[in-house]
């Protein structure tokens, strides 16, 4: 069974995505900020990270930088899933850190997200 780490600080959004991804037969591990996300990424076998950007304690951009700097997890596949689209320079910098895709939450349905996640896990 493939495992997704969903790093999202909005509990309702987190539950909604988690429920939909579980329908695809995926295991979903939840984290509410970048610090918790890094801890879980290092302690569990994660196949793909769905990463929000705007979060407390440690934002997704900083978490992504730390993933890429850590030899034990640097090759982890990451999909950014955010509402942040107002600063093109931020998006460009995040993409430079190597993400599968940068998805705006408002641009994708639950079914569409599940479809993309399954595609990235093949």
PDB file of N, CA and C in Angstrom:
ATOM      1  N   UNK A   1       0.847  -1.187   0.000  1.00  0.00           N
ATOM      2  CA  UNK A   1       0.000   0.000   0.000  1.00  0.00           C
ATOM      3  C   UNK A   1       0.887   1.244   0.000  1.00  0.00           C
ATOM      4  N   UNK A   2       0.598   2.163  -0.895  1.00  0.00           N
ATOM      5  CA  UNK A   2       1.354   3.412  -0.997  1.00  0.00           C
ATOM      6  C   UNK A   2       0.902   4.378   0.103  1.00  0.00           C
ATOM      7  N   UNK A   3       1.856   5.169   0.582  1.00  0.00           N
ATOM      8  CA  UNK A   3       1.582   6.093   1.676  1.00  0.00           C
ATOM      9  C   UNK A   3       1.819   7.533   1.246  1.00  0.00           C
ATOM     10  N   UNK A   4       0.822   8.356   1.536  1.00  0.00           N
ATOM     11  CA  UNK A   4       0.869   9.787   1.248  1.00  0.00           C
ATOM     12  C   UNK A   4       1.038  10.520   2.571  1.00  0.00           C
ATOM     13  N   UNK A   5       1.938  11.499   2.596  1.00  0.00           N
ATOM     14  CA  UNK A   5       2.025  12.404   3.734  1.00  0.00           C
ATOM     15  C   UNK A   5       1.334  13.693   3.311  1.00  0.00           C
ATOM     16  N   UNK A   6       0.250  14.023   3.997  1.00  0.00           N
ATOM     17  CA  UNK A   6      -0.517  15.229   3.715  1.00  0.00           C
ATOM     18  C   UNK A   6      -0.168  16.264   4.781  1.00  0.00           C
ATOM     19  N   UNK A   7       0.529  17.327   4.372  1.00  0.00           N
ATOM     20  CA  UNK A   7       0.949  18.369   5.298  1.00  0.00           C
ATOM     21  C   UNK A   7       0.050  19.579   5.047  1.00  0.00           C
ATOM     22  N   UNK A   8      -0.911  19.760   5.941  1.00  0.00           N
ATOM     23  CA  UNK A   8      -1.981  20.755   5.758  1.00  0.00           C
ATOM     24  C   UNK A   8      -2.454  21.200   7.137  1.00  0.00           C
ATOM     25  N   UNK A   9      -2.513  22.512   7.369  1.00  0.00           N
ATOM     26  CA  UNK A   9      -2.895  23.010   8.687  1.00  0.00           C
ATOM     27  C   UNK A   9      -4.401  23.169   8.874  1.00  0.00           C
ATOM     28  N   UNK A  10      -5.175  23.174   7.803  1.00  0.00           N
ATOM     29  CA  UNK A  10      -6.633  23.298   7.907  1.00  0.00           C
ATOM     30  C   UNK A  10      -7.227  21.905   8.116  1.00  0.00           C
ATOM     31  N   UNK A  11      -7.756  21.662   9.300  1.00  0.00           N
ATOM     32  CA  UNK A  11      -8.248  20.338   9.672  1.00  0.00           C
ATOM     33  C   UNK A  11      -9.343  19.839   8.735  1.00  0.00           C
ATOM     34  N   UNK A  12     -10.273  20.705   8.373  1.00  0.00           N
ATOM     35  CA  UNK A  12     -11.363  20.281   7.477  1.00  0.00           C
ATOM     36  C   UNK A  12     -10.851  19.904   6.098  1.00  0.00           C
ATOM     37  N   UNK A  13      -9.944  20.702   5.563  1.00  0.00           N
ATOM     38  CA  UNK A  13      -9.349  20.409   4.259  1.00  0.00           C
ATOM     39  C   UNK A  13      -8.578  19.090   4.341  1.00  0.00           C
ATOM     40  N   UNK A  14      -7.826  18.944   5.398  1.00  0.00           N
ATOM     41  CA  UNK A  14      -7.041  17.739   5.628  1.00  0.00           C
ATOM     42  C   UNK A  14      -7.930  16.496   5.655  1.00  0.00           C
ATOM     43  N   UNK A  15      -9.018  16.559   6.390  1.00  0.00           N
ATOM     44  CA  UNK A  15      -9.941  15.427   6.483  1.00  0.00           C
ATOM     45  C   UNK A  15     -10.586  15.122   5.133  1.00  0.00           C
ATOM     46  N   UNK A  16     -10.949  16.159   4.406  1.00  0.00           N
ATOM     47  CA  UNK A  16     -11.586  16.000   3.106  1.00  0.00           C
ATOM     48  C   UNK A  16     -10.631  15.302   2.122  1.00  0.00           C
ATOM     49  N   UNK A  17      -9.388  15.778   2.025  1.00  0.00           N
ATOM     50  CA  UNK A  17      -8.408  15.160   1.125  1.00  0.00           C
ATOM     51  C   UNK A  17      -8.093  13.736   1.567  1.00  0.00           C
ATOM     52  N   UNK A  18      -7.917  13.562   2.854  1.00  0.00           N
ATOM     53  CA  UNK A  18      -7.576  12.255   3.395  1.00  0.00           C
ATOM     54  C   UNK A  18      -8.650  11.220   3.063  1.00  0.00           C
ATOM     55  N   UNK A  19      -9.883  11.576   3.294  1.00  0.00           N
ATOM     56  CA  UNK A  19     -11.005  10.670   3.018  1.00  0.00           C
ATOM     57  C   UNK A  19     -11.024  10.267   1.541  1.00  0.00           C
ATOM     58  N   UNK A  20     -10.812  11.243   0.658  1.00  0.00           N
ATOM     59  CA  UNK A  20     -10.854  10.963  -0.787  1.00  0.00           C
ATOM     60  C   UNK A  20      -9.682  10.095  -1.223  1.00  0.00           C
ATOM     61  N   UNK A  21      -8.501  10.345  -0.683  1.00  0.00           N
ATOM     62  CA  UNK A  21      -7.323   9.560  -1.052  1.00  0.00           C
ATOM     63  C   UNK A  21      -7.409   8.132  -0.529  1.00  0.00           C
ATOM     64  N   UNK A  22      -8.019   7.960   0.625  1.00  0.00           N
ATOM     65  CA  UNK A  22      -8.196   6.611   1.175  1.00  0.00           C
ATOM     66  C   UNK A  22      -9.109   5.770   0.284  1.00  0.00           C
ATOM     67  N   UNK A  23     -10.044   6.434  -0.408  1.00  0.00           N
ATOM     68  CA  UNK A  23     -10.911   5.727  -1.352  1.00  0.00           C
ATOM     69  C   UNK A  23     -10.109   5.091  -2.484  1.00  0.00           C
ATOM     70  N   UNK A  24      -8.928   5.635  -2.743  1.00  0.00           N
ATOM     71  CA  UNK A  24      -8.053   5.106  -3.794  1.00  0.00           C
ATOM     72  C   UNK A  24      -7.177   3.970  -3.266  1.00  0.00           C
ATOM     73  N   UNK A  25      -7.393   3.587  -1.998  1.00  0.00           N
ATOM     74  CA  UNK A  25      -6.597   2.514  -1.419  1.00  0.00           C
ATOM     75  C   UNK A  25      -5.250   2.978  -0.895  1.00  0.00           C
ATOM     76  N   UNK A  26      -5.129   4.267  -0.642  1.00  0.00           N
ATOM     77  CA  UNK A  26      -3.871   4.827  -0.154  1.00  0.00           C
ATOM     78  C   UNK A  26      -3.906   4.995   1.356  1.00  0.00           C
ATOM     79  N   UNK A  27      -2.753   4.865   1.968  1.00  0.00           N
ATOM     80  CA  UNK A  27      -2.622   5.182   3.389  1.00  0.00           C
ATOM     81  C   UNK A  27      -2.275   6.664   3.465  1.00  0.00           C
ATOM     82  N   UNK A  28      -2.927   7.400   4.347  1.00  0.00           N
ATOM     83  CA  UNK A  28      -2.673   8.836   4.467  1.00  0.00           C
ATOM     84  C   UNK A  28      -2.177   9.146   5.880  1.00  0.00           C
ATOM     85  N   UNK A  29      -1.006   9.750   5.940  1.00  0.00           N
ATOM     86  CA  UNK A  29      -0.421  10.203   7.198  1.00  0.00           C
ATOM     87  C   UNK A  29      -0.587  11.719   7.213  1.00  0.00           C
ATOM     88  N   UNK A  30      -1.085  12.253   8.335  1.00  0.00           N
ATOM     89  CA  UNK A  30      -1.363  13.686   8.419  1.00  0.00           C
ATOM     90  C   UNK A  30      -0.330  14.422   9.276  1.00  0.00           C
ATOM     91  N   UNK A  31      -0.032  15.659   8.856  1.00  0.00           N
ATOM     92  CA  UNK A  31       0.807  16.559   9.644  1.00  0.00           C
ATOM     93  C   UNK A  31       0.217  17.959   9.481  1.00  0.00           C
ATOM     94  N   UNK A  32       0.244  18.748  10.555  1.00  0.00           N
ATOM     95  CA  UNK A  32      -0.408  20.058  10.508  1.00  0.00           C
ATOM     96  C   UNK A  32       0.555  21.235  10.292  1.00  0.00           C
ATOM     97  N   UNK A  33       1.858  20.955  10.217  1.00  0.00           N
ATOM     98  CA  UNK A  33       2.840  22.005   9.920  1.00  0.00           C
ATOM     99  C   UNK A  33       4.120  21.337   9.425  1.00  0.00           C
ATOM    100  N   UNK A  34       5.058  22.160   8.966  1.00  0.00           N
ATOM    101  CA  UNK A  34       6.288  21.631   8.399  1.00  0.00           C
ATOM    102  C   UNK A  34       7.161  20.865   9.371  1.00  0.00           C
ATOM    103  N   UNK A  35       7.178  21.267  10.621  1.00  0.00           N
ATOM    104  CA  UNK A  35       7.997  20.568  11.622  1.00  0.00           C
ATOM    105  C   UNK A  35       7.477  19.145  11.809  1.00  0.00           C
ATOM    106  N   UNK A  36       6.178  19.023  12.032  1.00  0.00           N
ATOM    107  CA  UNK A  36       5.558  17.705  12.188  1.00  0.00           C
ATOM    108  C   UNK A  36       5.714  16.903  10.893  1.00  0.00           C
ATOM    109  N   UNK A  37       5.582  17.572   9.762  1.00  0.00           N
ATOM    110  CA  UNK A  37       5.737  16.907   8.470  1.00  0.00           C
ATOM    111  C   UNK A  37       7.115  16.293   8.306  1.00  0.00           C
ATOM    112  N   UNK A  38       8.157  17.038   8.642  1.00  0.00           N
ATOM    113  CA  UNK A  38       9.526  16.513   8.543  1.00  0.00           C
ATOM    114  C   UNK A  38       9.728  15.317   9.464  1.00  0.00           C
ATOM    115  N   UNK A  39       9.204  15.407  10.690  1.00  0.00           N
ATOM    116  CA  UNK A  39       9.334  14.298  11.638  1.00  0.00           C
ATOM    117  C   UNK A  39       8.696  13.030  11.067  1.00  0.00           C
ATOM    118  N   UNK A  40       7.508  13.168  10.518  1.00  0.00           N
ATOM    119  CA  UNK A  40       6.799  11.999   9.975  1.00  0.00           C
ATOM    120  C   UNK A  40       7.476  11.476   8.716  1.00  0.00           C
ATOM    121  N   UNK A  41       8.003  12.380   7.907  1.00  0.00           N
ATOM    122  CA  UNK A  41       8.692  11.971   6.694  1.00  0.00           C
ATOM    123  C   UNK A  41       9.932  11.139   7.026  1.00  0.00           C
ATOM    124  N   UNK A  42      10.599  11.496   8.103  1.00  0.00           N
ATOM    125  CA  UNK A  42      11.809  10.773   8.506  1.00  0.00           C
ATOM    126  C   UNK A  42      11.509   9.477   9.243  1.00  0.00           C
ATOM    127  N   UNK A  43      10.315   9.375   9.835  1.00  0.00           N
ATOM    128  CA  UNK A  43      10.026   8.192  10.655  1.00  0.00           C
ATOM    129  C   UNK A  43       9.148   7.149   9.960  1.00  0.00           C
ATOM    130  N   UNK A  44       8.581   7.486   8.825  1.00  0.00           N
ATOM    131  CA  UNK A  44       7.703   6.550   8.122  1.00  0.00           C
ATOM    132  C   UNK A  44       8.130   6.446   6.666  1.00  0.00           C
ATOM    133  N   UNK A  45       7.732   5.356   6.012  1.00  0.00           N
ATOM    134  CA  UNK A  45       8.026   5.218   4.586  1.00  0.00           C
ATOM    135  C   UNK A  45       6.930   5.952   3.820  1.00  0.00           C
ATOM    136  N   UNK A  46       7.308   7.079   3.226  1.00  0.00           N
ATOM    137  CA  UNK A  46       6.358   7.935   2.516  1.00  0.00           C
ATOM    138  C   UNK A  46       6.664   7.873   1.025  1.00  0.00           C
ATOM    139  N   UNK A  47       5.628   7.660   0.216  1.00  0.00           N
ATOM    140  CA  UNK A  47       5.809   7.581  -1.237  1.00  0.00           C
ATOM    141  C   UNK A  47       5.620   8.925  -1.932  1.00  0.00           C
ATOM    142  N   UNK A  48       4.813   9.807  -1.330  1.00  0.00           N
ATOM    143  CA  UNK A  48       4.542  11.110  -1.937  1.00  0.00           C
ATOM    144  C   UNK A  48       4.076  12.066  -0.847  1.00  0.00           C
ATOM    145  N   UNK A  49       4.531  13.309  -0.931  1.00  0.00           N
ATOM    146  CA  UNK A  49       4.105  14.347   0.006  1.00  0.00           C
ATOM    147  C   UNK A  49       3.187  15.322  -0.721  1.00  0.00           C
ATOM    148  N   UNK A  50       2.025  15.591  -0.130  1.00  0.00           N
ATOM    149  CA  UNK A  50       1.152  16.679  -0.577  1.00  0.00           C
ATOM    150  C   UNK A  50       1.391  17.800   0.410  1.00  0.00           C
ATOM    151  N   UNK A  51       1.904  18.915  -0.079  1.00  0.00           N
ATOM    152  CA  UNK A  51       2.428  19.954   0.806  1.00  0.00           C
ATOM    153  C   UNK A  51       1.744  21.301   0.596  1.00  0.00           C
ATOM    154  N   UNK A  52       1.126  21.781   1.663  1.00  0.00           N
ATOM    155  CA  UNK A  52       0.579  23.145   1.665  1.00  0.00           C
ATOM    156  C   UNK A  52       1.756  24.100   1.885  1.00  0.00           C
ATOM    157  N   UNK A  53       1.600  25.351   1.506  1.00  0.00           N
ATOM    158  CA  UNK A  53       2.678  26.330   1.700  1.00  0.00           C
ATOM    159  C   UNK A  53       2.452  27.176   2.949  1.00  0.00           C
ATOM    160  N   UNK A  54       1.275  27.758   3.089  1.00  0.00           N
ATOM    161  CA  UNK A  54       1.002  28.645   4.220  1.00  0.00           C
ATOM    162  C   UNK A  54       0.578  27.827   5.442  1.00  0.00           C
ATOM    163  N   UNK A  55       1.511  27.679   6.400  1.00  0.00           N
ATOM    164  CA  UNK A  55       1.248  26.915   7.622  1.00  0.00           C
ATOM    165  C   UNK A  55       1.977  27.560   8.791  1.00  0.00           C
ATOM    166  N   UNK A  56       1.525  27.276  10.001  1.00  0.00           N
ATOM    167  CA  UNK A  56       2.221  27.799  11.191  1.00  0.00           C
ATOM    168  C   UNK A  56       3.526  27.033  11.453  1.00  0.00           C
ATOM    169  N   UNK A  57       4.322  27.526  12.360  1.00  0.00           N
ATOM    170  CA  UNK A  57       5.575  26.932  12.831  1.00  0.00           C
ATOM    171  C   UNK A  57       6.637  26.845  11.738  1.00  0.00           C
ATOM    172  N   UNK A  58       6.383  26.076  10.679  1.00  0.00           N
ATOM    173  CA  UNK A  58       7.291  26.008   9.541  1.00  0.00           C
ATOM    174  C   UNK A  58       6.443  25.897   8.283  1.00  0.00           C
ATOM    175  N   UNK A  59       6.602  26.850   7.361  1.00  0.00           N
ATOM    176  CA  UNK A  59       5.789  26.802   6.155  1.00  0.00           C
ATOM    177  C   UNK A  59       6.295  25.737   5.177  1.00  0.00           C
ATOM    178  N   UNK A  60       5.508  25.497   4.158  1.00  0.00           N
ATOM    179  CA  UNK A  60       5.831  24.455   3.196  1.00  0.00           C
ATOM    180  C   UNK A  60       7.089  24.733   2.389  1.00  0.00           C
ATOM    181  N   UNK A  61       7.355  25.994   2.097  1.00  0.00           N
ATOM    182  CA  UNK A  61       8.557  26.361   1.356  1.00  0.00           C
ATOM    183  C   UNK A  61       9.798  25.958   2.148  1.00  0.00           C
ATOM    184  N   UNK A  62       9.813  26.293   3.439  1.00  0.00           N
ATOM    185  CA  UNK A  62      10.948  25.935   4.300  1.00  0.00           C
ATOM    186  C   UNK A  62      11.049  24.409   4.449  1.00  0.00           C
ATOM    187  N   UNK A  63       9.910  23.736   4.587  1.00  0.00           N
ATOM    188  CA  UNK A  63       9.939  22.273   4.698  1.00  0.00           C
ATOM    189  C   UNK A  63      10.535  21.660   3.438  1.00  0.00           C
ATOM    190  N   UNK A  64      10.129  22.162   2.294  1.00  0.00           N
ATOM    191  CA  UNK A  64      10.649  21.640   1.026  1.00  0.00           C
ATOM    192  C   UNK A  64      12.158  21.841   0.931  1.00  0.00           C
ATOM    193  N   UNK A  65      12.647  23.013   1.354  1.00  0.00           N
ATOM    194  CA  UNK A  65      14.098  23.256   1.354  1.00  0.00           C
ATOM    195  C   UNK A  65      14.813  22.236   2.236  1.00  0.00           C
ATOM    196  N   UNK A  66      14.257  21.972   3.407  1.00  0.00           N
ATOM    197  CA  UNK A  66      14.891  21.030   4.338  1.00  0.00           C
ATOM    198  C   UNK A  66      14.851  19.599   3.809  1.00  0.00           C
ATOM    199  N   UNK A  67      13.773  19.249   3.113  1.00  0.00           N
ATOM    200  CA  UNK A  67      13.709  17.918   2.492  1.00  0.00           C
ATOM    201  C   UNK A  67      14.857  17.776   1.499  1.00  0.00           C
ATOM    202  N   UNK A  68      15.035  18.770   0.644  1.00  0.00           N
ATOM    203  CA  UNK A  68      16.056  18.698  -0.408  1.00  0.00           C
ATOM    204  C   UNK A  68      17.482  18.745   0.147  1.00  0.00           C
ATOM    205  N   UNK A  69      17.664  19.282   1.351  1.00  0.00           N
ATOM    206  CA  UNK A  69      18.994  19.353   1.977  1.00  0.00           C
ATOM    207  C   UNK A  69      19.355  18.092   2.755  1.00  0.00           C
ATOM    208  N   UNK A  70      18.373  17.231   3.040  1.00  0.00           N
ATOM    209  CA  UNK A  70      18.602  16.049   3.875  1.00  0.00           C
ATOM    210  C   UNK A  70      18.809  14.824   2.977  1.00  0.00           C
ATOM    211  N   UNK A  71      20.030  14.263   2.992  1.00  0.00           N
ATOM    212  CA  UNK A  71      20.318  13.126   2.113  1.00  0.00           C
ATOM    213  C   UNK A  71      19.360  11.928   2.277  1.00  0.00           C
ATOM    214  N   UNK A  72      18.826  11.743   3.467  1.00  0.00           N
ATOM    215  CA  UNK A  72      17.961  10.581   3.702  1.00  0.00           C
ATOM    216  C   UNK A  72      16.562  10.726   3.100  1.00  0.00           C
ATOM    217  N   UNK A  73      16.149  11.960   2.782  1.00  0.00           N
ATOM    218  CA  UNK A  73      14.792  12.165   2.248  1.00  0.00           C
ATOM    219  C   UNK A  73      14.764  13.061   1.014  1.00  0.00           C
ATOM    220  N   UNK A  74      15.936  13.454   0.507  1.00  0.00           N
ATOM    221  CA  UNK A  74      16.007  14.454  -0.565  1.00  0.00           C
ATOM    222  C   UNK A  74      15.302  14.048  -1.862  1.00  0.00           C
ATOM    223  N   UNK A  75      15.150  12.740  -2.097  1.00  0.00           N
ATOM    224  CA  UNK A  75      14.525  12.271  -3.336  1.00  0.00           C
ATOM    225  C   UNK A  75      13.017  12.069  -3.216  1.00  0.00           C
ATOM    226  N   UNK A  76      12.459  12.452  -2.080  1.00  0.00           N
ATOM    227  CA  UNK A  76      11.019  12.305  -1.874  1.00  0.00           C
ATOM    228  C   UNK A  76      10.251  13.120  -2.907  1.00  0.00           C
ATOM    229  N   UNK A  77       9.232  12.496  -3.483  1.00  0.00           N
ATOM    230  CA  UNK A  77       8.396  13.200  -4.457  1.00  0.00           C
ATOM    231  C   UNK A  77       7.407  14.090  -3.709  1.00  0.00           C
ATOM    232  N   UNK A  78       7.283  15.341  -4.181  1.00  0.00           N
ATOM    233  CA  UNK A  78       6.438  16.330  -3.512  1.00  0.00           C
ATOM    234  C   UNK A  78       5.524  17.002  -4.533  1.00  0.00           C
ATOM    235  N   UNK A  79       4.250  17.113  -4.157  1.00  0.00           N
ATOM    236  CA  UNK A  79       3.281  17.896  -4.914  1.00  0.00           C
ATOM    237  C   UNK A  79       2.845  19.031  -3.999  1.00  0.00           C
ATOM    238  N   UNK A  80       3.004  20.264  -4.463  1.00  0.00           N
ATOM    239  CA  UNK A  80       2.557  21.420  -3.690  1.00  0.00           C
ATOM    240  C   UNK A  80       1.081  21.636  -3.981  1.00  0.00           C
ATOM    241  N   UNK A  81       0.312  21.772  -2.921  1.00  0.00           N
ATOM    242  CA  UNK A  81      -1.138  21.949  -3.016  1.00  0.00           C
ATOM    243  C   UNK A  81      -1.485  23.146  -2.144  1.00  0.00           C
ATOM    244  N   UNK A  82      -1.757  24.282  -2.774  1.00  0.00           N
ATOM    245  CA  UNK A  82      -1.844  25.528  -2.011  1.00  0.00           C
ATOM    246  C   UNK A  82      -2.862  26.499  -2.601  1.00  0.00           C
ATOM    247  N   UNK A  83      -3.149  27.535  -1.863  1.00  0.00           N
ATOM    248  CA  UNK A  83      -3.956  28.645  -2.371  1.00  0.00           C
ATOM    249  C   UNK A  83      -3.063  29.813  -2.777  1.00  0.00           C
ATOM    250  N   UNK A  84      -1.770  29.661  -2.590  1.00  0.00           N
ATOM    251  CA  UNK A  84      -0.815  30.738  -2.816  1.00  0.00           C
ATOM    252  C   UNK A  84      -0.472  30.859  -4.297  1.00  0.00           C
ATOM    253  N   UNK A  85      -0.949  31.916  -4.929  1.00  0.00           N
ATOM    254  CA  UNK A  85      -0.593  32.118  -6.334  1.00  0.00           C
ATOM    255  C   UNK A  85      -0.321  33.582  -6.647  1.00  0.00           C
ATOM    256  N   UNK A  86      -0.124  34.386  -5.624  1.00  0.00           N
ATOM    257  CA  UNK A  86       0.009  35.822  -5.855  1.00  0.00           C
ATOM    258  C   UNK A  86       1.439  36.288  -6.116  1.00  0.00           C
ATOM    259  N   UNK A  87       2.420  35.441  -5.870  1.00  0.00           N
ATOM    260  CA  UNK A  87       3.806  35.878  -6.049  1.00  0.00           C
ATOM    261  C   UNK A  87       4.553  34.918  -6.975  1.00  0.00           C
ATOM    262  N   UNK A  88       4.612  35.253  -8.266  1.00  0.00           N
ATOM    263  CA  UNK A  88       5.264  34.370  -9.246  1.00  0.00           C
ATOM    264  C   UNK A  88       6.699  34.000  -8.873  1.00  0.00           C
ATOM    265  N   UNK A  89       7.430  34.921  -8.213  1.00  0.00           N
ATOM    266  CA  UNK A  89       8.810  34.607  -7.838  1.00  0.00           C
ATOM    267  C   UNK A  89       8.864  33.496  -6.784  1.00  0.00           C
ATOM    268  N   UNK A  90       7.869  33.446  -5.885  1.00  0.00           N
ATOM    269  CA  UNK A  90       7.808  32.366  -4.895  1.00  0.00           C
ATOM    270  C   UNK A  90       7.530  31.034  -5.581  1.00  0.00           C
ATOM    271  N   UNK A  91       6.593  31.050  -6.502  1.00  0.00           N
ATOM    272  CA  UNK A  91       6.238  29.831  -7.234  1.00  0.00           C
ATOM    273  C   UNK A  91       7.460  29.316  -7.991  1.00  0.00           C
ATOM    274  N   UNK A  92       8.174  30.222  -8.651  1.00  0.00           N
ATOM    275  CA  UNK A  92       9.366  29.837  -9.419  1.00  0.00           C
ATOM    276  C   UNK A  92      10.423  29.214  -8.505  1.00  0.00           C
ATOM    277  N   UNK A  93      10.631  29.819  -7.334  1.00  0.00           N
ATOM    278  CA  UNK A  93      11.634  29.304  -6.399  1.00  0.00           C
ATOM    279  C   UNK A  93      11.240  27.922  -5.867  1.00  0.00           C
ATOM    280  N   UNK A  94       9.960  27.751  -5.571  1.00  0.00           N
ATOM    281  CA  UNK A  94       9.484  26.450  -5.088  1.00  0.00           C
ATOM    282  C   UNK A  94       9.656  25.390  -6.175  1.00  0.00           C
ATOM    283  N   UNK A  95       9.315  25.732  -7.396  1.00  0.00           N
ATOM    284  CA  UNK A  95       9.471  24.777  -8.504  1.00  0.00           C
ATOM    285  C   UNK A  95      10.938  24.407  -8.721  1.00  0.00           C
ATOM    286  N   UNK A  96      11.849  25.365  -8.480  1.00  0.00           N
ATOM    287  CA  UNK A  96      13.285  25.095  -8.621  1.00  0.00           C
ATOM    288  C   UNK A  96      13.753  24.029  -7.623  1.00  0.00           C
ATOM    289  N   UNK A  97      13.055  23.914  -6.504  1.00  0.00           N
ATOM    290  CA  UNK A  97      13.421  22.923  -5.487  1.00  0.00           C
ATOM    291  C   UNK A  97      12.959  21.519  -5.879  1.00  0.00           C
ATOM    292  N   UNK A  98      12.298  21.410  -7.002  1.00  0.00           N
ATOM    293  CA  UNK A  98      11.939  20.102  -7.521  1.00  0.00           C
ATOM    294  C   UNK A  98      10.646  19.558  -6.953  1.00  0.00           C
ATOM    295  N   UNK A  99       9.549  19.953  -7.552  1.00  0.00           N
ATOM    296  CA  UNK A  99       8.251  19.393  -7.175  1.00  0.00           C
ATOM    297  C   UNK A  99       7.627  18.764  -8.415  1.00  0.00           C
ATOM    298  N   UNK A 100       6.809  17.749  -8.196  1.00  0.00           N
ATOM    299  CA  UNK A 100       6.132  17.097  -9.314  1.00  0.00           C
ATOM    300  C   UNK A 100       5.179  18.085  -9.980  1.00  0.00           C
ATOM    301  N   UNK A 101       4.509  18.869  -9.139  1.00  0.00           N
ATOM    302  CA  UNK A 101       3.518  19.803  -9.651  1.00  0.00           C
ATOM    303  C   UNK A 101       3.202  20.838  -8.578  1.00  0.00           C
ATOM    304  N   UNK A 102       2.773  22.006  -9.022  1.00  0.00           N
ATOM    305  CA  UNK A 102       2.341  23.086  -8.138  1.00  0.00           C
ATOM    306  C   UNK A 102       0.858  23.285  -8.442  1.00  0.00           C
ATOM    307  N   UNK A 103      -0.014  22.836  -7.549  1.00  0.00           N
ATOM    308  CA  UNK A 103      -1.453  22.852  -7.797  1.00  0.00           C
ATOM    309  C   UNK A 103      -2.134  23.880  -6.898  1.00  0.00           C
ATOM    310  N   UNK A 104      -2.974  24.704  -7.505  1.00  0.00           N
ATOM    311  CA  UNK A 104      -3.801  25.616  -6.719  1.00  0.00           C
ATOM    312  C   UNK A 104      -5.052  24.860  -6.288  1.00  0.00           C
ATOM    313  N   UNK A 105      -5.343  24.887  -5.004  1.00  0.00           N
ATOM    314  CA  UNK A 105      -6.505  24.167  -4.466  1.00  0.00           C
ATOM    315  C   UNK A 105      -7.787  24.543  -5.196  1.00  0.00           C
ATOM    316  N   UNK A 106      -7.908  25.814  -5.547  1.00  0.00           N
ATOM    317  CA  UNK A 106      -9.137  26.282  -6.193  1.00  0.00           C
ATOM    318  C   UNK A 106      -9.268  25.779  -7.630  1.00  0.00           C
ATOM    319  N   UNK A 107      -8.174  25.243  -8.197  1.00  0.00           N
ATOM    320  CA  UNK A 107      -8.187  24.798  -9.591  1.00  0.00           C
ATOM    321  C   UNK A 107      -8.406  23.304  -9.762  1.00  0.00           C
ATOM    322  N   UNK A 108      -8.588  22.572  -8.671  1.00  0.00           N
ATOM    323  CA  UNK A 108      -8.672  21.119  -8.794  1.00  0.00           C
ATOM    324  C   UNK A 108      -9.791  20.554  -7.923  1.00  0.00           C
ATOM    325  N   UNK A 109     -10.467  19.550  -8.449  1.00  0.00           N
ATOM    326  CA  UNK A 109     -11.507  18.867  -7.680  1.00  0.00           C
ATOM    327  C   UNK A 109     -10.858  17.764  -6.840  1.00  0.00           C
ATOM    328  N   UNK A 110     -11.595  17.228  -5.906  1.00  0.00           N
ATOM    329  CA  UNK A 110     -11.088  16.096  -5.115  1.00  0.00           C
ATOM    330  C   UNK A 110     -10.755  14.917  -6.025  1.00  0.00           C
ATOM    331  N   UNK A 111     -11.646  14.629  -6.952  1.00  0.00           N
ATOM    332  CA  UNK A 111     -11.421  13.516  -7.880  1.00  0.00           C
ATOM    333  C   UNK A 111     -10.185  13.779  -8.738  1.00  0.00           C
ATOM    334  N   UNK A 112     -10.023  15.025  -9.185  1.00  0.00           N
ATOM    335  CA  UNK A 112      -8.861  15.383  -9.988  1.00  0.00           C
ATOM    336  C   UNK A 112      -7.567  15.232  -9.211  1.00  0.00           C
ATOM    337  N   UNK A 113      -7.587  15.617  -7.950  1.00  0.00           N
ATOM    338  CA  UNK A 113      -6.411  15.465  -7.104  1.00  0.00           C
ATOM    339  C   UNK A 113      -6.083  13.988  -6.918  1.00  0.00           C
ATOM    340  N   UNK A 114      -7.086  13.190  -6.614  1.00  0.00           N
ATOM    341  CA  UNK A 114      -6.863  11.755  -6.418  1.00  0.00           C
ATOM    342  C   UNK A 114      -6.274  11.128  -7.681  1.00  0.00           C
ATOM    343  N   UNK A 115      -6.780  11.528  -8.824  1.00  0.00           N
ATOM    344  CA  UNK A 115      -6.296  11.010 -10.109  1.00  0.00           C
ATOM    345  C   UNK A 115      -4.809  11.344 -10.309  1.00  0.00           C
ATOM    346  N   UNK A 116      -4.437  12.579 -10.000  1.00  0.00           N
ATOM    347  CA  UNK A 116      -3.028  12.989 -10.156  1.00  0.00           C
ATOM    348  C   UNK A 116      -2.124  12.264  -9.172  1.00  0.00           C
ATOM    349  N   UNK A 117      -2.576  12.120  -7.938  1.00  0.00           N
ATOM    350  CA  UNK A 117      -1.766  11.427  -6.932  1.00  0.00           C
ATOM    351  C   UNK A 117      -1.516   9.993  -7.381  1.00  0.00           C
ATOM    352  N   UNK A 118      -2.544   9.322  -7.838  1.00  0.00           N
ATOM    353  CA  UNK A 118      -2.401   7.933  -8.310  1.00  0.00           C
ATOM    354  C   UNK A 118      -1.400   7.894  -9.475  1.00  0.00           C
ATOM    355  N   UNK A 119      -1.489   8.858 -10.362  1.00  0.00           N
ATOM    356  CA  UNK A 119      -0.571   8.919 -11.522  1.00  0.00           C
ATOM    357  C   UNK A 119       0.880   9.048 -11.040  1.00  0.00           C
ATOM    358  N   UNK A 120       1.121   9.912 -10.043  1.00  0.00           N
ATOM    359  CA  UNK A 120       2.483  10.103  -9.558  1.00  0.00           C
ATOM    360  C   UNK A 120       3.023   8.883  -8.814  1.00  0.00           C
ATOM    361  N   UNK A 121       2.168   8.046  -8.335  1.00  0.00           N
ATOM    362  CA  UNK A 121       2.600   6.866  -7.581  1.00  0.00           C
ATOM    363  C   UNK A 121       2.903   5.667  -8.488  1.00  0.00           C
ATOM    364  N   UNK A 122       2.612   5.791  -9.771  1.00  0.00           N
ATOM    365  CA  UNK A 122       2.885   4.672 -10.693  1.00  0.00           C
ATOM    366  C   UNK A 122       4.326   4.661 -11.128  1.00  0.00           C
TER     367      UNK A 122
END
